[in-house]
Amino acid sequence: MLAIDVTELFFSYSETSVLEDVSFSVEEKEFVAIFGPNGGGKTTLLQLLMGFLKPARGKIHLFGKAPKLIRQCIGWVPQNFHFDRHFPISVQEVVLGGRLSLGGWRYTSADRKAVKASLERVGMEKTLHAPFASLSGGQQQRVLIARALVSNPSLLLLDEPTSGVDHVAEKEIYALLGELRKEMTILMVTHDLNRAVESVDRLICVQKSVTQMPKEKVCEHFALGLYHSKETT
């Protein structure tokens, strides 16, 4: 069964077309990177996959079902996690938020046990009671990945998980994703193609429409952030 199956997808904000005739698929336990220019529709595509947005036309199936019917099977790591740095939210509280998709507004002992296990998976168990704001950028990203993993997803979606982190943290995050790919399907938006091609199975360029390509077809222009039309690739 395909993990992701998108067919003839169109989406617009008011009169502005963002995605046109998008079709692609992702196999189960495949690790795929999405890249493209700013404003090309990458984040919008992720939001459509999660069911946060509704397409104007076209179909999206995740493991054979509509996104809204399978949200509890999706782990989501946003590019920006908005929180009040003066409010003392703890790491445990951040990760517990990932259990909300499973239903209920009161956390149980099973939820707290899942949080500890998820933090152990990303090597952040010692920060359980630490203020989230006190962590480094790389540590915060690993906690957000733990938040996405705490519901035991089958599909992990990440929007630029290495943005703003140093080289050591980036290496740690890619190593973590390398382990997670054995257990789940991963779709990741990234601008760092030089690093991505070393880790993913293939890449998808989103520039209003979609172009799928194996790693060896990613040219030096793409790696430099220069996106050209399909006719010149």
C-alpha atoms as a PDB file:
ATOM      1  CA  MET A   1       0.000   0.000   0.000  1.00  0.00           C
ATOM      2  CA  LEU A   2       1.161   3.527  -0.764  1.00  0.00           C
ATOM      3  CA  ALA A   3       1.794   5.749   2.248  1.00  0.00           C
ATOM      4  CA  ILE A   4       0.945   8.883   0.214  1.00  0.00           C
ATOM      5  CA  ASP A   5      -1.030   9.051  -3.018  1.00  0.00           C
ATOM      6  CA  VAL A   6      -1.791  12.508  -4.449  1.00  0.00           C
ATOM      7  CA  THR A   7      -3.687  12.830  -7.728  1.00  0.00           C
ATOM      8  CA  GLU A   8      -4.327  15.955  -9.830  1.00  0.00           C
ATOM      9  CA  LEU A   9      -4.250  18.290  -6.828  1.00  0.00           C
ATOM     10  CA  PHE A  10      -5.064  22.008  -7.175  1.00  0.00           C
ATOM     11  CA  PHE A  11      -5.053  24.619  -4.410  1.00  0.00           C
ATOM     12  CA  SER A  12      -5.412  28.425  -4.321  1.00  0.00           C
ATOM     13  CA  TYR A  13      -5.497  31.152  -1.689  1.00  0.00           C
ATOM     14  CA  SER A  14      -8.329  33.424  -2.877  1.00  0.00           C
ATOM     15  CA  GLU A  15      -7.370  34.149  -6.481  1.00  0.00           C
ATOM     16  CA  THR A  16      -3.720  33.159  -6.126  1.00  0.00           C
ATOM     17  CA  SER A  17      -2.876  29.705  -7.445  1.00  0.00           C
ATOM     18  CA  VAL A  18      -0.377  27.892  -5.200  1.00  0.00           C
ATOM     19  CA  LEU A  19      -0.422  24.293  -6.453  1.00  0.00           C
ATOM     20  CA  GLU A  20      -1.488  23.095  -9.904  1.00  0.00           C
ATOM     21  CA  ASP A  21      -2.041  19.550 -11.154  1.00  0.00           C
ATOM     22  CA  VAL A  22       0.134  17.953  -8.453  1.00  0.00           C
ATOM     23  CA  SER A  23       0.425  14.169  -8.604  1.00  0.00           C
ATOM     24  CA  PHE A  24       2.940  11.994  -6.764  1.00  0.00           C
ATOM     25  CA  SER A  25       3.174   8.983  -4.504  1.00  0.00           C
ATOM     26  CA  VAL A  26       5.393   7.810  -1.651  1.00  0.00           C
ATOM     27  CA  GLU A  27       5.931   4.184  -0.677  1.00  0.00           C
ATOM     28  CA  GLU A  28       5.683   2.949   2.902  1.00  0.00           C
ATOM     29  CA  LYS A  29       8.940   3.484   4.858  1.00  0.00           C
ATOM     30  CA  GLU A  30      10.368   5.651   2.103  1.00  0.00           C
ATOM     31  CA  PHE A  31      12.370   8.754   3.100  1.00  0.00           C
ATOM     32  CA  VAL A  32      11.606  11.598   0.680  1.00  0.00           C
ATOM     33  CA  ALA A  33      12.815  15.211   0.703  1.00  0.00           C
ATOM     34  CA  ILE A  34      10.763  18.112  -0.671  1.00  0.00           C
ATOM     35  CA  PHE A  35      12.587  21.180  -1.950  1.00  0.00           C
ATOM     36  CA  GLY A  36      11.831  24.239  -4.037  1.00  0.00           C
ATOM     37  CA  PRO A  37      11.808  28.057  -3.982  1.00  0.00           C
ATOM     38  CA  ASN A  38      10.181  30.122  -1.259  1.00  0.00           C
ATOM     39  CA  GLY A  39       6.501  30.465  -2.033  1.00  0.00           C
ATOM     40  CA  GLY A  40       6.569  27.393  -4.248  1.00  0.00           C
ATOM     41  CA  GLY A  41       3.939  25.582  -2.174  1.00  0.00           C
ATOM     42  CA  LYS A  42       5.991  23.228   0.013  1.00  0.00           C
ATOM     43  CA  THR A  43       4.426  24.051   3.380  1.00  0.00           C
ATOM     44  CA  THR A  44       0.981  24.321   1.792  1.00  0.00           C
ATOM     45  CA  LEU A  45       1.410  20.801   0.441  1.00  0.00           C
ATOM     46  CA  LEU A  46       2.212  19.484   3.936  1.00  0.00           C
ATOM     47  CA  GLN A  47      -0.852  21.230   5.350  1.00  0.00           C
ATOM     48  CA  LEU A  48      -2.995  19.622   2.668  1.00  0.00           C
ATOM     49  CA  LEU A  49      -1.562  16.217   3.504  1.00  0.00           C
ATOM     50  CA  MET A  50      -2.481  16.731   7.152  1.00  0.00           C
ATOM     51  CA  GLY A  51      -6.003  17.795   6.276  1.00  0.00           C
ATOM     52  CA  PHE A  52      -5.550  21.324   7.634  1.00  0.00           C
ATOM     53  CA  LEU A  53      -6.412  22.694   4.182  1.00  0.00           C
ATOM     54  CA  LYS A  54      -8.922  21.437   1.628  1.00  0.00           C
ATOM     55  CA  PRO A  55      -7.890  21.141  -2.027  1.00  0.00           C
ATOM     56  CA  ALA A  56      -9.869  22.934  -4.717  1.00  0.00           C
ATOM     57  CA  ARG A  57      -9.648  19.783  -6.829  1.00  0.00           C
ATOM     58  CA  GLY A  58      -7.883  16.467  -6.708  1.00  0.00           C
ATOM     59  CA  LYS A  59      -7.483  13.606  -4.251  1.00  0.00           C
ATOM     60  CA  ILE A  60      -5.186  12.830  -1.327  1.00  0.00           C
ATOM     61  CA  HIS A  61      -4.971   9.399   0.247  1.00  0.00           C
ATOM     62  CA  LEU A  62      -2.726   8.419   3.157  1.00  0.00           C
ATOM     63  CA  PHE A  63      -2.493   4.666   3.546  1.00  0.00           C
ATOM     64  CA  GLY A  64      -5.641   4.447   1.426  1.00  0.00           C
ATOM     65  CA  LYS A  65      -7.696   6.902   3.505  1.00  0.00           C
ATOM     66  CA  ALA A  66      -8.540  10.612   3.510  1.00  0.00           C
ATOM     67  CA  PRO A  67      -6.190  12.699   5.715  1.00  0.00           C
ATOM     68  CA  LYS A  68      -8.924  13.691   8.189  1.00  0.00           C
ATOM     69  CA  LEU A  69      -9.609  10.009   8.897  1.00  0.00           C
ATOM     70  CA  ILE A  70      -6.007   9.177   9.708  1.00  0.00           C
ATOM     71  CA  ARG A  71      -4.630  12.233  11.528  1.00  0.00           C
ATOM     72  CA  GLN A  72      -3.716  10.174  14.588  1.00  0.00           C
ATOM     73  CA  CYS A  73      -1.234   8.283  12.387  1.00  0.00           C
ATOM     74  CA  ILE A  74       0.602  11.459  11.329  1.00  0.00           C
ATOM     75  CA  GLY A  75       3.506  12.989  13.247  1.00  0.00           C
ATOM     76  CA  TRP A  76       4.116  16.670  12.472  1.00  0.00           C
ATOM     77  CA  VAL A  77       7.230  18.779  13.100  1.00  0.00           C
ATOM     78  CA  PRO A  78       6.557  22.433  12.149  1.00  0.00           C
ATOM     79  CA  GLN A  79       9.214  24.836  10.944  1.00  0.00           C
ATOM     80  CA  ASN A  80       8.338  27.279  13.709  1.00  0.00           C
ATOM     81  CA  PHE A  81       6.977  26.249  17.105  1.00  0.00           C
ATOM     82  CA  HIS A  82       5.372  29.357  18.564  1.00  0.00           C
ATOM     83  CA  PHE A  83       5.469  29.692  22.353  1.00  0.00           C
ATOM     84  CA  ASP A  84       5.895  32.402  24.969  1.00  0.00           C
ATOM     85  CA  ARG A  85       9.546  32.288  26.026  1.00  0.00           C
ATOM     86  CA  HIS A  86       8.588  33.911  29.323  1.00  0.00           C
ATOM     87  CA  PHE A  87       6.050  31.181  30.106  1.00  0.00           C
ATOM     88  CA  PRO A  88       7.764  28.244  31.862  1.00  0.00           C
ATOM     89  CA  ILE A  89       6.445  25.422  29.692  1.00  0.00           C
ATOM     90  CA  SER A  90       8.459  22.265  30.307  1.00  0.00           C
ATOM     91  CA  VAL A  91       9.782  19.733  27.841  1.00  0.00           C
ATOM     92  CA  GLN A  92       7.316  17.198  29.238  1.00  0.00           C
ATOM     93  CA  GLU A  93       4.396  19.551  28.583  1.00  0.00           C
ATOM     94  CA  VAL A  94       5.544  20.224  25.021  1.00  0.00           C
ATOM     95  CA  VAL A  95       5.758  16.513  24.206  1.00  0.00           C
ATOM     96  CA  LEU A  96       2.458  15.749  25.952  1.00  0.00           C
ATOM     97  CA  GLY A  97       0.818  18.023  23.391  1.00  0.00           C
ATOM     98  CA  GLY A  98       1.505  15.337  20.808  1.00  0.00           C
ATOM     99  CA  ARG A  99      -0.927  13.005  22.594  1.00  0.00           C
ATOM    100  CA  LEU A 100      -3.937  15.270  21.998  1.00  0.00           C
ATOM    101  CA  SER A 101      -4.607  13.680  18.609  1.00  0.00           C
ATOM    102  CA  LEU A 102      -5.386  10.420  20.405  1.00  0.00           C
ATOM    103  CA  GLY A 103      -8.426  11.978  22.090  1.00  0.00           C
ATOM    104  CA  GLY A 104      -9.217  13.334  25.514  1.00  0.00           C
ATOM    105  CA  TRP A 105      -8.068  16.445  27.350  1.00  0.00           C
ATOM    106  CA  ARG A 106      -6.715  14.809  30.494  1.00  0.00           C
ATOM    107  CA  TYR A 107      -3.320  13.181  30.366  1.00  0.00           C
ATOM    108  CA  THR A 108      -3.002   9.714  31.842  1.00  0.00           C
ATOM    109  CA  SER A 109      -0.091   7.765  33.276  1.00  0.00           C
ATOM    110  CA  ALA A 110       0.128   6.021  29.893  1.00  0.00           C
ATOM    111  CA  ASP A 111       0.577   9.418  28.232  1.00  0.00           C
ATOM    112  CA  ARG A 112       3.406  10.358  30.601  1.00  0.00           C
ATOM    113  CA  LYS A 113       5.057   6.991  30.076  1.00  0.00           C
ATOM    114  CA  ALA A 114       4.855   7.522  26.302  1.00  0.00           C
ATOM    115  CA  VAL A 115       6.475  10.952  26.698  1.00  0.00           C
ATOM    116  CA  LYS A 116       9.457   9.481  28.541  1.00  0.00           C
ATOM    117  CA  ALA A 117       9.845   6.740  25.933  1.00  0.00           C
ATOM    118  CA  SER A 118       9.639   9.274  23.090  1.00  0.00           C
ATOM    119  CA  LEU A 119      12.282  11.515  24.664  1.00  0.00           C
ATOM    120  CA  GLU A 120      14.544   8.491  25.083  1.00  0.00           C
ATOM    121  CA  ARG A 121      14.221   7.779  21.357  1.00  0.00           C
ATOM    122  CA  VAL A 122      15.633  11.207  20.534  1.00  0.00           C
ATOM    123  CA  GLY A 123      18.224  11.231  23.316  1.00  0.00           C
ATOM    124  CA  MET A 124      16.535  13.977  25.349  1.00  0.00           C
ATOM    125  CA  GLU A 125      15.225  12.033  28.361  1.00  0.00           C
ATOM    126  CA  LYS A 126      17.353  14.038  30.816  1.00  0.00           C
ATOM    127  CA  THR A 127      15.510  17.237  29.875  1.00  0.00           C
ATOM    128  CA  LEU A 128      12.048  15.959  30.884  1.00  0.00           C
ATOM    129  CA  HIS A 129      11.404  18.675  33.479  1.00  0.00           C
ATOM    130  CA  ALA A 130      13.619  21.382  31.942  1.00  0.00           C
ATOM    131  CA  PRO A 131      12.052  24.592  30.599  1.00  0.00           C
ATOM    132  CA  PHE A 132      11.694  24.228  26.839  1.00  0.00           C
ATOM    133  CA  ALA A 133      12.980  27.776  26.325  1.00  0.00           C
ATOM    134  CA  SER A 134      16.265  26.910  28.070  1.00  0.00           C
ATOM    135  CA  LEU A 135      17.253  24.391  25.377  1.00  0.00           C
ATOM    136  CA  SER A 136      19.475  25.077  22.384  1.00  0.00           C
ATOM    137  CA  GLY A 137      17.963  25.203  18.903  1.00  0.00           C
ATOM    138  CA  GLY A 138      19.081  21.666  18.107  1.00  0.00           C
ATOM    139  CA  GLN A 139      17.746  20.334  21.399  1.00  0.00           C
ATOM    140  CA  GLN A 140      14.406  22.022  20.815  1.00  0.00           C
ATOM    141  CA  GLN A 141      14.140  20.383  17.397  1.00  0.00           C
ATOM    142  CA  ARG A 142      14.777  16.960  18.890  1.00  0.00           C
ATOM    143  CA  VAL A 143      12.079  17.602  21.510  1.00  0.00           C
ATOM    144  CA  LEU A 144       9.657  18.606  18.735  1.00  0.00           C
ATOM    145  CA  ILE A 145      10.476  15.378  16.925  1.00  0.00           C
ATOM    146  CA  ALA A 146       9.760  13.534  20.198  1.00  0.00           C
ATOM    147  CA  ARG A 147       6.418  15.384  20.307  1.00  0.00           C
ATOM    148  CA  ALA A 148       5.637  14.093  16.808  1.00  0.00           C
ATOM    149  CA  LEU A 149       6.687  10.545  17.720  1.00  0.00           C
ATOM    150  CA  VAL A 150       4.746  10.303  20.981  1.00  0.00           C
ATOM    151  CA  SER A 151       1.568   9.199  19.169  1.00  0.00           C
ATOM    152  CA  ASN A 152       3.444   6.378  17.376  1.00  0.00           C
ATOM    153  CA  PRO A 153       2.817   7.684  13.847  1.00  0.00           C
ATOM    154  CA  SER A 154       3.116   5.749  10.610  1.00  0.00           C
ATOM    155  CA  LEU A 155       3.924   8.944   8.676  1.00  0.00           C
ATOM    156  CA  LEU A 156       6.328  11.653   9.845  1.00  0.00           C
ATOM    157  CA  LEU A 157       6.112  15.090   8.184  1.00  0.00           C
ATOM    158  CA  LEU A 158       8.846  17.650   8.885  1.00  0.00           C
ATOM    159  CA  ASP A 159       9.094  21.254   7.703  1.00  0.00           C
ATOM    160  CA  GLU A 160      12.786  22.207   7.594  1.00  0.00           C
ATOM    161  CA  PRO A 161      13.817  20.411  10.812  1.00  0.00           C
ATOM    162  CA  THR A 162      17.455  21.545  10.548  1.00  0.00           C
ATOM    163  CA  SER A 163      16.745  25.223   9.882  1.00  0.00           C
ATOM    164  CA  GLY A 164      18.676  27.461  12.267  1.00  0.00           C
ATOM    165  CA  VAL A 165      20.661  24.703  13.993  1.00  0.00           C
ATOM    166  CA  ASP A 166      24.436  24.259  14.008  1.00  0.00           C
ATOM    167  CA  HIS A 167      26.353  21.583  12.115  1.00  0.00           C
ATOM    168  CA  VAL A 168      26.569  19.205  15.086  1.00  0.00           C
ATOM    169  CA  ALA A 169      22.813  19.408  15.745  1.00  0.00           C
ATOM    170  CA  GLU A 170      22.085  18.946  12.041  1.00  0.00           C
ATOM    171  CA  LYS A 171      24.199  15.788  11.989  1.00  0.00           C
ATOM    172  CA  GLU A 172      22.385  14.451  15.054  1.00  0.00           C
ATOM    173  CA  ILE A 173      18.958  15.129  13.543  1.00  0.00           C
ATOM    174  CA  TYR A 174      19.838  13.354  10.289  1.00  0.00           C
ATOM    175  CA  ALA A 175      21.216  10.399  12.254  1.00  0.00           C
ATOM    176  CA  LEU A 176      17.944  10.241  14.179  1.00  0.00           C
ATOM    177  CA  LEU A 177      15.877  10.370  10.986  1.00  0.00           C
ATOM    178  CA  GLY A 178      18.081   7.630   9.563  1.00  0.00           C
ATOM    179  CA  GLU A 179      16.983   5.386  12.423  1.00  0.00           C
ATOM    180  CA  LEU A 180      13.314   6.398  12.232  1.00  0.00           C
ATOM    181  CA  ARG A 181      13.098   5.590   8.516  1.00  0.00           C
ATOM    182  CA  LYS A 182      13.277   1.892   9.459  1.00  0.00           C
ATOM    183  CA  GLU A 183       9.927   2.224  11.229  1.00  0.00           C
ATOM    184  CA  MET A 184       7.891   4.831   9.336  1.00  0.00           C
ATOM    185  CA  THR A 185       7.471   6.867   6.168  1.00  0.00           C
ATOM    186  CA  ILE A 186       9.219  10.257   6.278  1.00  0.00           C
ATOM    187  CA  LEU A 187       8.482  13.321   4.145  1.00  0.00           C
ATOM    188  CA  MET A 188      10.752  16.290   4.888  1.00  0.00           C
ATOM    189  CA  VAL A 189      10.899  19.827   3.502  1.00  0.00           C
ATOM    190  CA  THR A 190      14.485  21.048   3.262  1.00  0.00           C
ATOM    191  CA  HIS A 191      16.676  23.679   1.598  1.00  0.00           C
ATOM    192  CA  ASP A 192      19.914  21.832   2.354  1.00  0.00           C
ATOM    193  CA  LEU A 193      20.100  19.548  -0.669  1.00  0.00           C
ATOM    194  CA  ASN A 194      23.785  18.747  -0.271  1.00  0.00           C
ATOM    195  CA  ARG A 195      23.012  17.116   3.079  1.00  0.00           C
ATOM    196  CA  ALA A 196      19.654  15.652   2.073  1.00  0.00           C
ATOM    197  CA  VAL A 197      20.937  13.674  -0.918  1.00  0.00           C
ATOM    198  CA  GLU A 198      23.190  11.726   1.450  1.00  0.00           C
ATOM    199  CA  SER A 199      20.228  10.504   3.501  1.00  0.00           C
ATOM    200  CA  VAL A 200      16.984  10.328   1.513  1.00  0.00           C
ATOM    201  CA  ASP A 201      15.738   7.845  -1.077  1.00  0.00           C
ATOM    202  CA  ARG A 202      14.645  10.504  -3.574  1.00  0.00           C
ATOM    203  CA  LEU A 203      13.559  14.116  -3.866  1.00  0.00           C
ATOM    204  CA  ILE A 204      10.499  16.049  -5.004  1.00  0.00           C
ATOM    205  CA  CYS A 205      10.761  19.605  -6.308  1.00  0.00           C
ATOM    206  CA  VAL A 206       7.664  21.705  -5.570  1.00  0.00           C
ATOM    207  CA  GLN A 207       7.388  24.825  -7.683  1.00  0.00           C
ATOM    208  CA  LYS A 208       3.622  25.208  -8.067  1.00  0.00           C
ATOM    209  CA  SER A 209       3.685  21.834  -9.826  1.00  0.00           C
ATOM    210  CA  VAL A 210       5.763  18.814  -8.797  1.00  0.00           C
ATOM    211  CA  THR A 211       8.806  17.164 -10.344  1.00  0.00           C
ATOM    212  CA  GLN A 212       9.965  13.860  -8.875  1.00  0.00           C
ATOM    213  CA  MET A 213      13.595  12.871  -9.219  1.00  0.00           C
ATOM    214  CA  PRO A 214      16.161  10.380  -7.949  1.00  0.00           C
ATOM    215  CA  LYS A 215      19.104  11.757  -5.972  1.00  0.00           C
ATOM    216  CA  GLU A 216      21.521  11.540  -8.885  1.00  0.00           C
ATOM    217  CA  LYS A 217      19.308  13.875 -10.945  1.00  0.00           C
ATOM    218  CA  VAL A 218      19.576  16.773  -8.491  1.00  0.00           C
ATOM    219  CA  CYS A 219      21.835  19.175 -10.330  1.00  0.00           C
ATOM    220  CA  GLU A 220      24.290  21.675  -8.887  1.00  0.00           C
ATOM    221  CA  HIS A 221      21.898  24.535  -9.657  1.00  0.00           C
ATOM    222  CA  PHE A 222      19.288  23.055  -7.326  1.00  0.00           C
ATOM    223  CA  ALA A 223      21.901  22.545  -4.624  1.00  0.00           C
ATOM    224  CA  LEU A 224      22.727  26.244  -4.877  1.00  0.00           C
ATOM    225  CA  GLY A 225      19.056  27.180  -4.595  1.00  0.00           C
ATOM    226  CA  LEU A 226      18.644  28.082  -8.269  1.00  0.00           C
ATOM    227  CA  TYR A 227      15.329  26.647  -9.446  1.00  0.00           C
ATOM    228  CA  HIS A 228      14.717  26.497 -13.153  1.00  0.00           C
ATOM    229  CA  SER A 229      11.848  25.279 -15.284  1.00  0.00           C
ATOM    230  CA  LYS A 230      11.256  21.654 -16.213  1.00  0.00           C
ATOM    231  CA  GLU A 231      12.291  22.383 -19.790  1.00  0.00           C
ATOM    232  CA  THR A 232      15.845  23.257 -18.726  1.00  0.00           C
ATOM    233  CA  THR A 233      16.415  20.455 -16.178  1.00  0.00           C
END
